[in-house]
C-alpha atoms as a PDB file:
ATOM      1  CA  UNK A   1     -70.292  50.176 128.065  1.00  0.00           C
ATOM      2  CA  UNK A   2     -67.214  47.981 128.643  1.00  0.00           C
ATOM      3  CA  UNK A   3     -67.370  48.498 132.388  1.00  0.00           C
ATOM      4  CA  UNK A   4     -68.872  45.047 133.044  1.00  0.00           C
ATOM      5  CA  UNK A   5     -67.257  43.315 136.028  1.00  0.00           C
ATOM      6  CA  UNK A   6     -66.242  39.690 136.140  1.00  0.00           C
ATOM      7  CA  UNK A   7     -62.617  38.937 136.818  1.00  0.00           C
ATOM      8  CA  UNK A   8     -61.394  38.028 140.293  1.00  0.00           C
ATOM      9  CA  UNK A   9     -59.687  41.247 141.335  1.00  0.00           C
ATOM     10  CA  UNK A  10     -57.645  41.265 144.466  1.00  0.00           C
ATOM     11  CA  UNK A  11     -59.406  42.965 147.352  1.00  0.00           C
ATOM     12  CA  UNK A  12     -57.378  45.716 148.974  1.00  0.00           C
ATOM     13  CA  UNK A  13     -56.763  45.191 152.678  1.00  0.00           C
ATOM     14  CA  UNK A  14     -57.659  48.085 154.966  1.00  0.00           C
ATOM     15  CA  UNK A  15     -57.644  48.668 158.671  1.00  0.00           C
ATOM     16  CA  UNK A  16     -60.838  47.952 160.642  1.00  0.00           C
ATOM     17  CA  UNK A  17     -63.026  51.035 160.839  1.00  0.00           C
ATOM     18  CA  UNK A  18     -61.202  52.813 158.018  1.00  0.00           C
ATOM     19  CA  UNK A  19     -63.200  54.430 155.246  1.00  0.00           C
ATOM     20  CA  UNK A  20     -63.641  52.020 152.316  1.00  0.00           C
ATOM     21  CA  UNK A  21     -61.387  52.538 149.346  1.00  0.00           C
ATOM     22  CA  UNK A  22     -63.107  54.392 146.511  1.00  0.00           C
ATOM     23  CA  UNK A  23     -62.504  53.911 142.825  1.00  0.00           C
ATOM     24  CA  UNK A  24     -60.362  56.630 141.335  1.00  0.00           C
ATOM     25  CA  UNK A  25     -60.802  58.576 138.107  1.00  0.00           C
ATOM     26  CA  UNK A  26     -63.906  60.051 136.518  1.00  0.00           C
ATOM     27  CA  UNK A  27     -62.857  59.994 132.864  1.00  0.00           C
ATOM     28  CA  UNK A  28     -64.439  56.664 131.902  1.00  0.00           C
ATOM     29  CA  UNK A  29     -67.662  57.047 133.961  1.00  0.00           C
ATOM     30  CA  UNK A  30     -68.267  60.538 132.561  1.00  0.00           C
ATOM     31  CA  UNK A  31     -67.595  59.369 128.997  1.00  0.00           C
ATOM     32  CA  UNK A  32     -69.902  56.378 129.482  1.00  0.00           C
ATOM     33  CA  UNK A  33     -72.654  58.581 130.956  1.00  0.00           C
ATOM     34  CA  UNK A  34     -72.419  61.071 128.071  1.00  0.00           C
ATOM     35  CA  UNK A  35     -72.600  58.291 125.474  1.00  0.00           C
ATOM     36  CA  UNK A  36     -75.455  56.642 127.363  1.00  0.00           C
ATOM     37  CA  UNK A  37     -77.478  59.858 127.319  1.00  0.00           C
ATOM     38  CA  UNK A  38     -76.459  61.328 123.937  1.00  0.00           C
ATOM     39  CA  UNK A  39     -76.301  58.375 121.516  1.00  0.00           C
ATOM     40  CA  UNK A  40     -80.045  57.588 121.771  1.00  0.00           C
ATOM     41  CA  UNK A  41     -80.763  61.111 120.501  1.00  0.00           C
ATOM     42  CA  UNK A  42     -78.826  60.603 117.243  1.00  0.00           C
ATOM     43  CA  UNK A  43     -80.831  59.650 114.112  1.00  0.00           C
ATOM     44  CA  UNK A  44     -79.442  56.112 113.684  1.00  0.00           C
ATOM     45  CA  UNK A  45     -79.072  55.025 117.311  1.00  0.00           C
ATOM     46  CA  UNK A  46     -82.509  56.405 118.164  1.00  0.00           C
ATOM     47  CA  UNK A  47     -84.077  53.627 116.095  1.00  0.00           C
ATOM     48  CA  UNK A  48     -82.323  50.678 117.729  1.00  0.00           C
ATOM     49  CA  UNK A  49     -81.841  51.846 121.329  1.00  0.00           C
ATOM     50  CA  UNK A  50     -84.818  50.347 123.207  1.00  0.00           C
ATOM     51  CA  UNK A  51     -85.322  53.141 125.767  1.00  0.00           C
ATOM     52  CA  UNK A  52     -84.663  56.485 124.112  1.00  0.00           C
ATOM     53  CA  UNK A  53     -85.094  58.508 127.322  1.00  0.00           C
ATOM     54  CA  UNK A  54     -82.291  56.669 129.092  1.00  0.00           C
ATOM     55  CA  UNK A  55     -82.679  58.707 132.268  1.00  0.00           C
ATOM     56  CA  UNK A  56     -85.793  56.640 133.127  1.00  0.00           C
ATOM     57  CA  UNK A  57     -83.459  53.634 133.445  1.00  0.00           C
ATOM     58  CA  UNK A  58     -80.412  55.369 134.912  1.00  0.00           C
ATOM     59  CA  UNK A  59     -82.152  57.364 137.659  1.00  0.00           C
ATOM     60  CA  UNK A  60     -83.943  54.391 139.313  1.00  0.00           C
ATOM     61  CA  UNK A  61     -80.792  52.254 139.089  1.00  0.00           C
ATOM     62  CA  UNK A  62     -78.680  54.993 140.668  1.00  0.00           C
ATOM     63  CA  UNK A  63     -81.290  55.339 143.421  1.00  0.00           C
ATOM     64  CA  UNK A  64     -81.297  51.570 144.036  1.00  0.00           C
ATOM     65  CA  UNK A  65     -77.499  51.475 144.366  1.00  0.00           C
ATOM     66  CA  UNK A  66     -77.470  54.510 146.676  1.00  0.00           C
ATOM     67  CA  UNK A  67     -80.196  53.006 148.881  1.00  0.00           C
ATOM     68  CA  UNK A  68     -78.300  49.721 149.065  1.00  0.00           C
ATOM     69  CA  UNK A  69     -75.176  51.673 150.007  1.00  0.00           C
ATOM     70  CA  UNK A  70     -77.098  53.491 152.726  1.00  0.00           C
ATOM     71  CA  UNK A  71     -78.286  50.177 154.169  1.00  0.00           C
ATOM     72  CA  UNK A  72     -74.645  49.040 154.137  1.00  0.00           C
ATOM     73  CA  UNK A  73     -73.604  52.059 156.186  1.00  0.00           C
ATOM     74  CA  UNK A  74     -73.285  54.739 153.523  1.00  0.00           C
ATOM     75  CA  UNK A  75     -74.655  58.266 153.305  1.00  0.00           C
ATOM     76  CA  UNK A  76     -78.354  58.761 153.928  1.00  0.00           C
ATOM     77  CA  UNK A  77     -78.591  62.164 152.173  1.00  0.00           C
ATOM     78  CA  UNK A  78     -77.050  60.724 148.993  1.00  0.00           C
ATOM     79  CA  UNK A  79     -79.644  57.953 148.930  1.00  0.00           C
ATOM     80  CA  UNK A  80     -82.465  60.410 149.656  1.00  0.00           C
ATOM     81  CA  UNK A  81     -81.455  62.749 146.828  1.00  0.00           C
ATOM     82  CA  UNK A  82     -81.215  59.953 144.271  1.00  0.00           C
ATOM     83  CA  UNK A  83     -84.461  58.366 145.433  1.00  0.00           C
ATOM     84  CA  UNK A  84     -86.285  61.689 145.139  1.00  0.00           C
ATOM     85  CA  UNK A  85     -84.852  62.281 141.673  1.00  0.00           C
ATOM     86  CA  UNK A  86     -85.866  58.779 140.565  1.00  0.00           C
ATOM     87  CA  UNK A  87     -89.420  59.307 141.809  1.00  0.00           C
ATOM     88  CA  UNK A  88     -89.608  62.600 139.953  1.00  0.00           C
ATOM     89  CA  UNK A  89     -88.299  61.037 136.713  1.00  0.00           C
ATOM     90  CA  UNK A  90     -90.710  58.119 136.868  1.00  0.00           C
ATOM     91  CA  UNK A  91     -93.744  60.102 137.967  1.00  0.00           C
ATOM     92  CA  UNK A  92     -93.479  63.654 136.569  1.00  0.00           C
ATOM     93  CA  UNK A  93     -97.027  64.676 137.505  1.00  0.00           C
ATOM     94  CA  UNK A  94     -99.081  66.588 134.996  1.00  0.00           C
ATOM     95  CA  UNK A  95     -97.174  65.324 131.945  1.00  0.00           C
ATOM     96  CA  UNK A  96     -99.054  63.201 129.430  1.00  0.00           C
ATOM     97  CA  UNK A  97     -96.959  60.195 128.383  1.00  0.00           C
ATOM     98  CA  UNK A  98     -97.312  57.604 125.654  1.00  0.00           C
ATOM     99  CA  UNK A  99     -97.984  53.926 126.252  1.00  0.00           C
ATOM    100  CA  UNK A 100     -94.367  53.110 125.415  1.00  0.00           C
ATOM    101  CA  UNK A 101     -93.108  55.733 127.874  1.00  0.00           C
ATOM    102  CA  UNK A 102     -95.217  54.120 130.597  1.00  0.00           C
ATOM    103  CA  UNK A 103     -93.727  50.712 129.754  1.00  0.00           C
ATOM    104  CA  UNK A 104     -90.208  52.179 129.789  1.00  0.00           C
ATOM    105  CA  UNK A 105     -90.762  53.757 133.201  1.00  0.00           C
ATOM    106  CA  UNK A 106     -92.191  50.506 134.488  1.00  0.00           C
ATOM    107  CA  UNK A 107     -89.125  48.653 133.249  1.00  0.00           C
ATOM    108  CA  UNK A 108     -86.833  51.162 134.941  1.00  0.00           C
ATOM    109  CA  UNK A 109     -88.637  50.664 138.253  1.00  0.00           C
ATOM    110  CA  UNK A 110     -88.634  46.844 137.971  1.00  0.00           C
ATOM    111  CA  UNK A 111     -84.951  46.709 137.033  1.00  0.00           C
ATOM    112  CA  UNK A 112     -83.970  49.031 139.884  1.00  0.00           C
ATOM    113  CA  UNK A 113     -86.002  47.033 142.410  1.00  0.00           C
ATOM    114  CA  UNK A 114     -84.416  43.764 141.274  1.00  0.00           C
ATOM    115  CA  UNK A 115     -80.879  45.170 141.292  1.00  0.00           C
ATOM    116  CA  UNK A 116     -81.313  46.880 144.662  1.00  0.00           C
ATOM    117  CA  UNK A 117     -82.638  43.666 146.186  1.00  0.00           C
ATOM    118  CA  UNK A 118     -79.718  41.611 144.823  1.00  0.00           C
ATOM    119  CA  UNK A 119     -77.279  44.149 146.263  1.00  0.00           C
ATOM    120  CA  UNK A 120     -78.720  43.581 149.734  1.00  0.00           C
ATOM    121  CA  UNK A 121     -78.771  39.774 149.760  1.00  0.00           C
ATOM    122  CA  UNK A 122     -75.685  37.523 149.960  1.00  0.00           C
ATOM    123  CA  UNK A 123     -76.061  36.130 146.436  1.00  0.00           C
ATOM    124  CA  UNK A 124     -72.798  36.464 144.536  1.00  0.00           C
ATOM    125  CA  UNK A 125     -70.217  39.055 145.400  1.00  0.00           C
ATOM    126  CA  UNK A 126     -69.162  40.749 142.217  1.00  0.00           C
ATOM    127  CA  UNK A 127     -71.039  43.082 139.983  1.00  0.00           C
ATOM    128  CA  UNK A 128     -71.710  40.822 137.034  1.00  0.00           C
ATOM    129  CA  UNK A 129     -73.192  37.940 139.020  1.00  0.00           C
ATOM    130  CA  UNK A 130     -75.606  40.261 140.802  1.00  0.00           C
ATOM    131  CA  UNK A 131     -76.428  42.266 137.662  1.00  0.00           C
ATOM    132  CA  UNK A 132     -77.215  39.207 135.561  1.00  0.00           C
ATOM    133  CA  UNK A 133     -79.432  37.748 138.286  1.00  0.00           C
ATOM    134  CA  UNK A 134     -81.195  41.106 138.631  1.00  0.00           C
ATOM    135  CA  UNK A 135     -81.639  41.315 134.867  1.00  0.00           C
ATOM    136  CA  UNK A 136     -83.092  37.801 134.702  1.00  0.00           C
ATOM    137  CA  UNK A 137     -85.485  38.536 137.576  1.00  0.00           C
ATOM    138  CA  UNK A 138     -86.569  41.830 136.014  1.00  0.00           C
ATOM    139  CA  UNK A 139     -87.211  40.142 132.656  1.00  0.00           C
ATOM    140  CA  UNK A 140     -89.349  37.477 134.327  1.00  0.00           C
ATOM    141  CA  UNK A 141     -91.361  40.004 136.346  1.00  0.00           C
ATOM    142  CA  UNK A 142     -91.677  42.378 133.403  1.00  0.00           C
ATOM    143  CA  UNK A 143     -92.743  39.510 131.160  1.00  0.00           C
ATOM    144  CA  UNK A 144     -95.470  38.516 133.601  1.00  0.00           C
ATOM    145  CA  UNK A 145     -96.742  42.096 133.717  1.00  0.00           C
ATOM    146  CA  UNK A 146     -96.834  42.200 129.919  1.00  0.00           C
ATOM    147  CA  UNK A 147     -98.603  38.844 129.576  1.00  0.00           C
ATOM    148  CA  UNK A 148    -101.329  39.661 132.088  1.00  0.00           C
ATOM    149  CA  UNK A 149    -101.758  43.321 131.096  1.00  0.00           C
ATOM    150  CA  UNK A 150    -104.666  44.333 128.819  1.00  0.00           C
ATOM    151  CA  UNK A 151    -103.720  43.358 125.281  1.00  0.00           C
ATOM    152  CA  UNK A 152    -101.100  40.879 126.455  1.00  0.00           C
ATOM    153  CA  UNK A 153     -97.827  40.249 124.648  1.00  0.00           C
ATOM    154  CA  UNK A 154     -99.355  41.065 121.250  1.00  0.00           C
ATOM    155  CA  UNK A 155    -100.473  44.472 122.477  1.00  0.00           C
ATOM    156  CA  UNK A 156     -97.032  45.173 123.970  1.00  0.00           C
ATOM    157  CA  UNK A 157     -95.369  44.219 120.682  1.00  0.00           C
ATOM    158  CA  UNK A 158     -97.635  46.618 118.802  1.00  0.00           C
ATOM    159  CA  UNK A 159     -96.580  49.374 121.194  1.00  0.00           C
ATOM    160  CA  UNK A 160     -92.878  48.544 120.700  1.00  0.00           C
ATOM    161  CA  UNK A 161     -93.239  48.328 116.913  1.00  0.00           C
ATOM    162  CA  UNK A 162     -95.176  51.590 116.792  1.00  0.00           C
ATOM    163  CA  UNK A 163     -92.539  53.374 118.866  1.00  0.00           C
ATOM    164  CA  UNK A 164     -89.717  52.160 116.657  1.00  0.00           C
ATOM    165  CA  UNK A 165     -91.671  53.171 113.549  1.00  0.00           C
ATOM    166  CA  UNK A 166     -92.247  56.645 115.011  1.00  0.00           C
ATOM    167  CA  UNK A 167     -88.548  57.092 115.754  1.00  0.00           C
ATOM    168  CA  UNK A 168     -87.559  55.802 112.317  1.00  0.00           C
ATOM    169  CA  UNK A 169     -89.889  58.295 110.625  1.00  0.00           C
ATOM    170  CA  UNK A 170     -88.533  61.133 112.786  1.00  0.00           C
ATOM    171  CA  UNK A 171     -84.901  60.181 112.121  1.00  0.00           C
ATOM    172  CA  UNK A 172     -85.517  59.893 108.379  1.00  0.00           C
ATOM    173  CA  UNK A 173     -87.237  63.277 108.302  1.00  0.00           C
ATOM    174  CA  UNK A 174     -84.415  64.973 110.218  1.00  0.00           C
ATOM    175  CA  UNK A 175     -81.760  63.362 108.016  1.00  0.00           C
ATOM    176  CA  UNK A 176     -83.523  64.361 104.809  1.00  0.00           C
ATOM    177  CA  UNK A 177     -83.976  67.915 106.038  1.00  0.00           C
ATOM    178  CA  UNK A 178     -80.273  68.161 106.844  1.00  0.00           C
ATOM    179  CA  UNK A 179     -79.008  66.620 103.605  1.00  0.00           C
ATOM    180  CA  UNK A 180     -81.553  68.485 101.482  1.00  0.00           C
ATOM    181  CA  UNK A 181     -80.148  71.920 102.256  1.00  0.00           C
ATOM    182  CA  UNK A 182     -78.329  73.937  99.610  1.00  0.00           C
ATOM    183  CA  UNK A 183     -75.096  73.719 101.584  1.00  0.00           C
ATOM    184  CA  UNK A 184     -75.233  69.930 101.725  1.00  0.00           C
ATOM    185  CA  UNK A 185     -76.066  69.578  98.052  1.00  0.00           C
ATOM    186  CA  UNK A 186     -73.139  71.797  97.146  1.00  0.00           C
ATOM    187  CA  UNK A 187     -70.845  69.796  99.403  1.00  0.00           C
ATOM    188  CA  UNK A 188     -71.984  66.530  97.777  1.00  0.00           C
ATOM    189  CA  UNK A 189     -71.344  67.924  94.287  1.00  0.00           C
ATOM    190  CA  UNK A 190     -67.795  68.847  95.285  1.00  0.00           C
ATOM    191  CA  UNK A 191     -67.229  65.548  97.155  1.00  0.00           C
ATOM    192  CA  UNK A 192     -68.799  62.547  95.380  1.00  0.00           C
ATOM    193  CA  UNK A 193     -67.783  60.257  98.249  1.00  0.00           C
ATOM    194  CA  UNK A 194     -70.110  62.225 100.528  1.00  0.00           C
ATOM    195  CA  UNK A 195     -73.014  61.310  98.245  1.00  0.00           C
ATOM    196  CA  UNK A 196     -72.143  57.627  98.703  1.00  0.00           C
ATOM    197  CA  UNK A 197     -72.150  58.156 102.456  1.00  0.00           C
ATOM    198  CA  UNK A 198     -75.575  59.789 102.314  1.00  0.00           C
ATOM    199  CA  UNK A 199     -76.938  56.855 100.312  1.00  0.00           C
ATOM    200  CA  UNK A 200     -75.492  54.421 102.857  1.00  0.00           C
ATOM    201  CA  UNK A 201     -77.162  56.264 105.733  1.00  0.00           C
ATOM    202  CA  UNK A 202     -80.446  56.279 103.792  1.00  0.00           C
ATOM    203  CA  UNK A 203     -80.162  52.502 103.390  1.00  0.00           C
ATOM    204  CA  UNK A 204     -79.449  51.986 107.081  1.00  0.00           C
ATOM    205  CA  UNK A 205     -82.363  54.186 108.112  1.00  0.00           C
ATOM    206  CA  UNK A 206     -84.631  52.007 105.961  1.00  0.00           C
ATOM    207  CA  UNK A 207     -83.299  48.708 107.354  1.00  0.00           C
ATOM    208  CA  UNK A 208     -82.838  49.529 111.035  1.00  0.00           C
ATOM    209  CA  UNK A 209     -86.535  49.489 112.100  1.00  0.00           C
ATOM    210  CA  UNK A 210     -86.833  45.764 111.323  1.00  0.00           C
ATOM    211  CA  UNK A 211     -83.566  45.106 113.164  1.00  0.00           C
ATOM    212  CA  UNK A 212     -84.702  47.144 116.158  1.00  0.00           C
ATOM    213  CA  UNK A 213     -87.962  45.220 116.418  1.00  0.00           C
ATOM    214  CA  UNK A 214     -86.252  41.838 116.140  1.00  0.00           C
ATOM    215  CA  UNK A 215     -83.455  42.568 118.630  1.00  0.00           C
ATOM    216  CA  UNK A 216     -85.488  44.680 121.034  1.00  0.00           C
ATOM    217  CA  UNK A 217     -85.181  42.261 123.978  1.00  0.00           C
ATOM    218  CA  UNK A 218     -81.424  41.695 123.577  1.00  0.00           C
ATOM    219  CA  UNK A 219     -80.715  45.407 123.181  1.00  0.00           C
ATOM    220  CA  UNK A 220     -82.899  46.206 126.200  1.00  0.00           C
ATOM    221  CA  UNK A 221     -80.938  43.687 128.283  1.00  0.00           C
ATOM    222  CA  UNK A 222     -77.594  45.156 127.146  1.00  0.00           C
ATOM    223  CA  UNK A 223     -78.778  48.712 127.788  1.00  0.00           C
ATOM    224  CA  UNK A 224     -79.956  47.724 131.257  1.00  0.00           C
ATOM    225  CA  UNK A 225     -76.680  45.934 132.038  1.00  0.00           C
ATOM    226  CA  UNK A 226     -74.765  49.046 130.994  1.00  0.00           C
ATOM    227  CA  UNK A 227     -76.984  51.204 133.231  1.00  0.00           C
ATOM    228  CA  UNK A 228     -76.302  48.956 136.239  1.00  0.00           C
ATOM    229  CA  UNK A 229     -72.549  49.007 135.556  1.00  0.00           C
ATOM    230  CA  UNK A 230     -72.585  52.798 135.310  1.00  0.00           C
ATOM    231  CA  UNK A 231     -74.579  53.106 138.533  1.00  0.00           C
ATOM    232  CA  UNK A 232     -72.132  50.787 140.300  1.00  0.00           C
ATOM    233  CA  UNK A 233     -69.090  52.712 139.020  1.00  0.00           C
ATOM    234  CA  UNK A 234     -70.454  56.156 139.896  1.00  0.00           C
ATOM    235  CA  UNK A 235     -71.674  55.143 143.357  1.00  0.00           C
ATOM    236  CA  UNK A 236     -68.299  53.707 144.360  1.00  0.00           C
ATOM    237  CA  UNK A 237     -66.705  57.029 143.540  1.00  0.00           C
ATOM    238  CA  UNK A 238     -69.014  59.041 145.790  1.00  0.00           C
ATOM    239  CA  UNK A 239     -70.355  56.571 148.354  1.00  0.00           C
ATOM    240  CA  UNK A 240     -68.760  55.633 151.649  1.00  0.00           C
ATOM    241  CA  UNK A 241     -69.866  51.993 151.850  1.00  0.00           C
ATOM    242  CA  UNK A 242     -68.642  49.353 149.422  1.00  0.00           C
ATOM    243  CA  UNK A 243     -71.132  46.970 147.855  1.00  0.00           C
ATOM    244  CA  UNK A 244     -68.527  44.699 146.295  1.00  0.00           C
ATOM    245  CA  UNK A 245     -65.139  44.627 144.561  1.00  0.00           C
ATOM    246  CA  UNK A 246     -64.314  47.294 141.962  1.00  0.00           C
ATOM    247  CA  UNK A 247     -65.227  46.839 138.333  1.00  0.00           C
ATOM    248  CA  UNK A 248     -62.421  45.096 136.533  1.00  0.00           C
ATOM    249  CA  UNK A 249     -60.521  46.328 133.503  1.00  0.00           C
ATOM    250  CA  UNK A 250     -61.620  44.981 130.140  1.00  0.00           C
ATOM    251  CA  UNK A 251     -58.326  43.115 129.759  1.00  0.00           C
ATOM    252  CA  UNK A 252     -59.180  41.028 132.841  1.00  0.00           C
ATOM    253  CA  UNK A 253     -62.814  40.391 131.971  1.00  0.00           C
ATOM    254  CA  UNK A 254     -64.004  36.822 132.459  1.00  0.00           C
ATOM    255  CA  UNK A 255     -67.130  35.308 133.943  1.00  0.00           C
ATOM    256  CA  UNK A 256     -68.748  32.046 134.945  1.00  0.00           C
ATOM    257  CA  UNK A 257     -68.246  29.423 132.251  1.00  0.00           C
ATOM    258  CA  UNK A 258     -71.857  28.311 132.725  1.00  0.00           C
ATOM    259  CA  UNK A 259     -72.942  31.347 130.686  1.00  0.00           C
ATOM    260  CA  UNK A 260     -71.854  29.475 127.573  1.00  0.00           C
ATOM    261  CA  UNK A 261     -75.199  27.655 127.837  1.00  0.00           C
ATOM    262  CA  UNK A 262     -76.897  30.889 126.826  1.00  0.00           C
ATOM    263  CA  UNK A 263     -75.060  30.681 123.507  1.00  0.00           C
ATOM    264  CA  UNK A 264     -75.807  26.952 123.188  1.00  0.00           C
ATOM    265  CA  UNK A 265     -79.540  27.421 123.793  1.00  0.00           C
ATOM    266  CA  UNK A 266     -79.671  30.318 121.340  1.00  0.00           C
ATOM    267  CA  UNK A 267     -77.893  28.283 118.661  1.00  0.00           C
ATOM    268  CA  UNK A 268     -80.202  25.303 119.168  1.00  0.00           C
ATOM    269  CA  UNK A 269     -83.313  27.475 118.821  1.00  0.00           C
ATOM    270  CA  UNK A 270     -81.990  29.187 115.694  1.00  0.00           C
ATOM    271  CA  UNK A 271     -80.656  26.034 114.007  1.00  0.00           C
ATOM    272  CA  UNK A 272     -83.670  23.841 114.685  1.00  0.00           C
ATOM    273  CA  UNK A 273     -86.872  24.519 112.713  1.00  0.00           C
ATOM    274  CA  UNK A 274     -88.548  27.359 114.567  1.00  0.00           C
ATOM    275  CA  UNK A 275     -90.352  30.536 113.709  1.00  0.00           C
ATOM    276  CA  UNK A 276     -92.065  33.540 115.205  1.00  0.00           C
ATOM    277  CA  UNK A 277     -91.408  34.526 118.794  1.00  0.00           C
ATOM    278  CA  UNK A 278     -89.293  31.445 119.587  1.00  0.00           C
ATOM    279  CA  UNK A 279     -86.810  32.103 116.800  1.00  0.00           C
ATOM    280  CA  UNK A 280     -86.635  35.778 117.745  1.00  0.00           C
ATOM    281  CA  UNK A 281     -85.890  34.749 121.334  1.00  0.00           C
ATOM    282  CA  UNK A 282     -83.049  32.518 120.114  1.00  0.00           C
ATOM    283  CA  UNK A 283     -81.559  35.378 118.094  1.00  0.00           C
ATOM    284  CA  UNK A 284     -81.845  37.663 121.125  1.00  0.00           C
ATOM    285  CA  UNK A 285     -79.959  35.119 123.239  1.00  0.00           C
ATOM    286  CA  UNK A 286     -77.178  34.908 120.654  1.00  0.00           C
ATOM    287  CA  UNK A 287     -76.867  38.686 120.430  1.00  0.00           C
ATOM    288  CA  UNK A 288     -76.833  39.261 124.199  1.00  0.00           C
ATOM    289  CA  UNK A 289     -74.370  36.521 125.085  1.00  0.00           C
ATOM    290  CA  UNK A 290     -72.432  37.188 121.887  1.00  0.00           C
ATOM    291  CA  UNK A 291     -71.742  40.741 123.077  1.00  0.00           C
ATOM    292  CA  UNK A 292     -70.609  39.455 126.483  1.00  0.00           C
ATOM    293  CA  UNK A 293     -68.236  36.964 124.895  1.00  0.00           C
ATOM    294  CA  UNK A 294     -67.021  39.562 122.396  1.00  0.00           C
ATOM    295  CA  UNK A 295     -66.042  41.755 125.339  1.00  0.00           C
ATOM    296  CA  UNK A 296     -64.263  38.787 126.912  1.00  0.00           C
ATOM    297  CA  UNK A 297     -62.479  38.150 123.622  1.00  0.00           C
ATOM    298  CA  UNK A 298     -61.410  41.798 123.430  1.00  0.00           C
ATOM    299  CA  UNK A 299     -59.985  41.375 126.919  1.00  0.00           C
ATOM    300  CA  UNK A 300     -57.905  38.456 125.669  1.00  0.00           C
ATOM    301  CA  UNK A 301     -56.667  40.515 122.702  1.00  0.00           C
ATOM    302  CA  UNK A 302     -55.712  43.449 124.938  1.00  0.00           C
ATOM    303  CA  UNK A 303     -53.978  41.103 127.407  1.00  0.00           C
ATOM    304  CA  UNK A 304     -52.015  39.417 124.626  1.00  0.00           C
ATOM    305  CA  UNK A 305     -50.980  42.606 122.813  1.00  0.00           C
ATOM    306  CA  UNK A 306     -50.376  44.608 126.010  1.00  0.00           C
ATOM    307  CA  UNK A 307     -50.813  47.814 123.976  1.00  0.00           C
ATOM    308  CA  UNK A 308     -49.487  51.175 125.028  1.00  0.00           C
ATOM    309  CA  UNK A 309     -51.570  54.348 124.850  1.00  0.00           C
ATOM    310  CA  UNK A 310     -51.052  54.937 121.115  1.00  0.00           C
ATOM    311  CA  UNK A 311     -51.524  51.292 120.219  1.00  0.00           C
ATOM    312  CA  UNK A 312     -54.690  51.208 122.317  1.00  0.00           C
ATOM    313  CA  UNK A 313     -56.015  54.237 120.429  1.00  0.00           C
ATOM    314  CA  UNK A 314     -55.311  52.553 117.094  1.00  0.00           C
ATOM    315  CA  UNK A 315     -57.002  49.355 118.301  1.00  0.00           C
ATOM    316  CA  UNK A 316     -60.085  51.340 119.372  1.00  0.00           C
ATOM    317  CA  UNK A 317     -60.362  53.124 116.014  1.00  0.00           C
ATOM    318  CA  UNK A 318     -59.861  49.868 114.117  1.00  0.00           C
ATOM    319  CA  UNK A 319     -62.597  48.203 116.191  1.00  0.00           C
ATOM    320  CA  UNK A 320     -65.030  51.053 115.522  1.00  0.00           C
ATOM    321  CA  UNK A 321     -64.358  50.995 111.775  1.00  0.00           C
ATOM    322  CA  UNK A 322     -64.570  47.217 111.396  1.00  0.00           C
ATOM    323  CA  UNK A 323     -66.827  46.429 114.350  1.00  0.00           C
ATOM    324  CA  UNK A 324     -68.725  43.634 112.584  1.00  0.00           C
ATOM    325  CA  UNK A 325     -65.532  41.700 111.740  1.00  0.00           C
ATOM    326  CA  UNK A 326     -63.771  42.433 115.025  1.00  0.00           C
ATOM    327  CA  UNK A 327     -66.949  41.672 116.992  1.00  0.00           C
ATOM    328  CA  UNK A 328     -67.430  38.220 115.484  1.00  0.00           C
ATOM    329  CA  UNK A 329     -63.738  37.336 115.848  1.00  0.00           C
ATOM    330  CA  UNK A 330     -63.696  38.563 119.464  1.00  0.00           C
ATOM    331  CA  UNK A 331     -66.862  36.607 120.292  1.00  0.00           C
ATOM    332  CA  UNK A 332     -65.301  33.398 118.948  1.00  0.00           C
ATOM    333  CA  UNK A 333     -62.113  34.143 120.873  1.00  0.00           C
ATOM    334  CA  UNK A 334     -64.129  34.784 124.033  1.00  0.00           C
ATOM    335  CA  UNK A 335     -65.936  31.475 123.646  1.00  0.00           C
ATOM    336  CA  UNK A 336     -62.651  29.622 123.136  1.00  0.00           C
ATOM    337  CA  UNK A 337     -61.282  31.331 126.250  1.00  0.00           C
ATOM    338  CA  UNK A 338     -63.925  29.423 128.224  1.00  0.00           C
ATOM    339  CA  UNK A 339     -61.836  26.291 127.682  1.00  0.00           C
ATOM    340  CA  UNK A 340     -58.360  27.694 127.024  1.00  0.00           C
ATOM    341  CA  UNK A 341     -58.273  30.519 129.609  1.00  0.00           C
ATOM    342  CA  UNK A 342     -55.183  32.046 128.011  1.00  0.00           C
ATOM    343  CA  UNK A 343     -54.799  34.732 130.648  1.00  0.00           C
ATOM    344  CA  UNK A 344     -54.117  32.096 133.314  1.00  0.00           C
ATOM    345  CA  UNK A 345     -50.970  31.131 131.426  1.00  0.00           C
ATOM    346  CA  UNK A 346     -47.597  32.880 131.769  1.00  0.00           C
ATOM    347  CA  UNK A 347     -47.239  35.760 129.354  1.00  0.00           C
ATOM    348  CA  UNK A 348     -44.728  35.096 126.542  1.00  0.00           C
ATOM    349  CA  UNK A 349     -41.339  36.599 127.435  1.00  0.00           C
ATOM    350  CA  UNK A 350     -41.225  38.439 124.101  1.00  0.00           C
ATOM    351  CA  UNK A 351     -44.107  40.667 125.222  1.00  0.00           C
ATOM    352  CA  UNK A 352     -43.591  43.594 127.500  1.00  0.00           C
ATOM    353  CA  UNK A 353     -45.725  43.838 130.614  1.00  0.00           C
ATOM    354  CA  UNK A 354     -47.628  46.907 131.660  1.00  0.00           C
END
């Protein structure tokens, strides 16, 4: 989900009336789409991913981007196909759905409406500015719907908590069924380290429901931001009308320094005596903006190291294995980059350039 846009890319000049330049390459968008759709179906990720059926977020967002592209002079049939698919995903007549599924579909529709509107108005130019404004607007509108709906915020929380509990029970059952087979037991007897791994997964499955409930809002915001970035990337590979500059590479990722106030507010709420919903909101702020600044910090690391293909592969594996350490260090580095802005400085002559 590292496709978030922020850095000031140079806009490619083109002749008047020429077809807009499209982004090239499908490897990263396809990989991102597969991860976006597959990871929520795995036992561990199912518990913490807010919207398990991610298509109810992706389809409306794709439709909103295609409709905005059509209004900007793009293809009408492309917008019509995506809009029809989004309506089918959100409606699906004749299918009984749970209360959480209804809330998830409502969120997908609200997010898509907010993002599509921001794409049509001259507010910001780049992806991240529009996406964050759309996300903020969707959270406000969605929050108002929740507050004034029957049961209010307490009823919505019970629905969220019940859904996470249901997924946790399902994931635990599937994991126990898999590891309880004769084949698995024999494998564990021959490989004691595998037994340690099984115990670690059991521990995580027991602890993740509480984490998923506490970080639900932050994870929903990150999932929604990733969906908007994916919709933007895919559309600009098939659409004829540009909606803004291309998504930047991770190594160039930076954004408005004013976003540091999200971290400041979160820290103040968490540090000062607070409890209940307010403290949870502060933690959500820290997690959401912490991920953004961790991505910015990773951009600084990649810029500084200027890794080749093999070095980049090693860096990716190292990050996945030690994500908690690398994530915290990258977030701190990203925050410091707000003041230092290392990538504005000349690169040391001892480093090779790409």
